[in-house]
Amino acid sequence: MQEELCIIEILKDNNDFVARIKSDLGGNREYKSQYFEDVLEQFVMDLQEEFESL
């Protein structure tokens, strides 16, 4: 059985990359940086911590 854990949106806003994450466990949050790698690293680390207990 599949269960949706989160929704991830990645956008480009002028010179910044923006990631918007929505999940039942962590709620809504946003990460922003000029560098895509920084945004990716930030939200991946947070999601790993959030879903470790599942």
C-alpha atoms as a PDB file:
ATOM      1  CA  MET A   1       0.000   0.000   0.000  1.00  0.00           C
ATOM      2  CA  GLN A   2       1.309   3.446  -0.891  1.00  0.00           C
ATOM      3  CA  GLU A   3       1.082   6.404   1.433  1.00  0.00           C
ATOM      4  CA  GLU A   4       1.926   9.987   0.493  1.00  0.00           C
ATOM      5  CA  LEU A   5       4.577  11.252   2.905  1.00  0.00           C
ATOM      6  CA  CYS A   6       5.227  14.726   1.535  1.00  0.00           C
ATOM      7  CA  ILE A   7       4.832  17.100  -1.379  1.00  0.00           C
ATOM      8  CA  ILE A   8       7.945  18.886  -2.648  1.00  0.00           C
ATOM      9  CA  GLU A   9       7.884  21.909  -4.950  1.00  0.00           C
ATOM     10  CA  ILE A  10      11.132  23.340  -6.304  1.00  0.00           C
ATOM     11  CA  LEU A  11      10.948  26.783  -7.887  1.00  0.00           C
ATOM     12  CA  LYS A  12      13.281  29.407  -9.301  1.00  0.00           C
ATOM     13  CA  ASP A  13      12.552  32.911  -7.937  1.00  0.00           C
ATOM     14  CA  ASN A  14      14.792  35.459  -9.670  1.00  0.00           C
ATOM     15  CA  ASN A  15      18.276  34.385  -8.533  1.00  0.00           C
ATOM     16  CA  ASP A  16      17.118  32.054  -5.756  1.00  0.00           C
ATOM     17  CA  PHE A  17      16.014  28.444  -5.668  1.00  0.00           C
ATOM     18  CA  VAL A  18      13.034  27.801  -3.405  1.00  0.00           C
ATOM     19  CA  ALA A  19      11.878  24.427  -2.099  1.00  0.00           C
ATOM     20  CA  ARG A  20       8.458  24.169  -0.473  1.00  0.00           C
ATOM     21  CA  ILE A  21       7.740  21.051   1.539  1.00  0.00           C
ATOM     22  CA  LYS A  22       4.345  19.947   2.868  1.00  0.00           C
ATOM     23  CA  SER A  23       3.981  16.937   5.155  1.00  0.00           C
ATOM     24  CA  ASP A  24       1.659  15.740   7.889  1.00  0.00           C
ATOM     25  CA  LEU A  25       4.539  15.301  10.333  1.00  0.00           C
ATOM     26  CA  GLY A  26       6.453  18.538   9.708  1.00  0.00           C
ATOM     27  CA  GLY A  27       3.781  20.829   8.306  1.00  0.00           C
ATOM     28  CA  ASN A  28       4.640  23.451   5.686  1.00  0.00           C
ATOM     29  CA  ARG A  29       8.127  24.885   5.348  1.00  0.00           C
ATOM     30  CA  GLU A  30      10.271  26.685   2.815  1.00  0.00           C
ATOM     31  CA  TYR A  31      13.988  26.660   2.034  1.00  0.00           C
ATOM     32  CA  LYS A  32      15.669  29.358  -0.048  1.00  0.00           C
ATOM     33  CA  SER A  33      19.187  29.858  -1.405  1.00  0.00           C
ATOM     34  CA  GLN A  34      21.059  31.138  -4.445  1.00  0.00           C
ATOM     35  CA  TYR A  35      22.518  27.643  -4.814  1.00  0.00           C
ATOM     36  CA  PHE A  36      20.401  24.633  -5.718  1.00  0.00           C
ATOM     37  CA  GLU A  37      22.722  22.260  -3.840  1.00  0.00           C
ATOM     38  CA  ASP A  38      22.218  24.200  -0.592  1.00  0.00           C
ATOM     39  CA  VAL A  39      18.425  24.029  -0.862  1.00  0.00           C
ATOM     40  CA  LEU A  40      18.573  20.327  -1.691  1.00  0.00           C
ATOM     41  CA  GLU A  41      20.893  19.547   1.221  1.00  0.00           C
ATOM     42  CA  GLN A  42      18.747  21.510   3.699  1.00  0.00           C
ATOM     43  CA  PHE A  43      15.461  19.816   2.918  1.00  0.00           C
ATOM     44  CA  VAL A  44      16.897  16.319   2.449  1.00  0.00           C
ATOM     45  CA  MET A  45      18.495  16.438   5.913  1.00  0.00           C
ATOM     46  CA  ASP A  46      15.237  17.662   7.469  1.00  0.00           C
ATOM     47  CA  LEU A  47      13.184  14.977   5.716  1.00  0.00           C
ATOM     48  CA  GLN A  48      15.629  12.252   6.795  1.00  0.00           C
ATOM     49  CA  GLU A  49      15.226  13.314  10.429  1.00  0.00           C
ATOM     50  CA  GLU A  50      11.465  13.626  10.069  1.00  0.00           C
ATOM     51  CA  PHE A  51      10.941  10.183   8.547  1.00  0.00           C
ATOM     52  CA  GLU A  52      13.566   8.238  10.553  1.00  0.00           C
ATOM     53  CA  SER A  53      10.935   7.030  12.990  1.00  0.00           C
ATOM     54  CA  LEU A  54       8.602   5.588  10.311  1.00  0.00           C
END
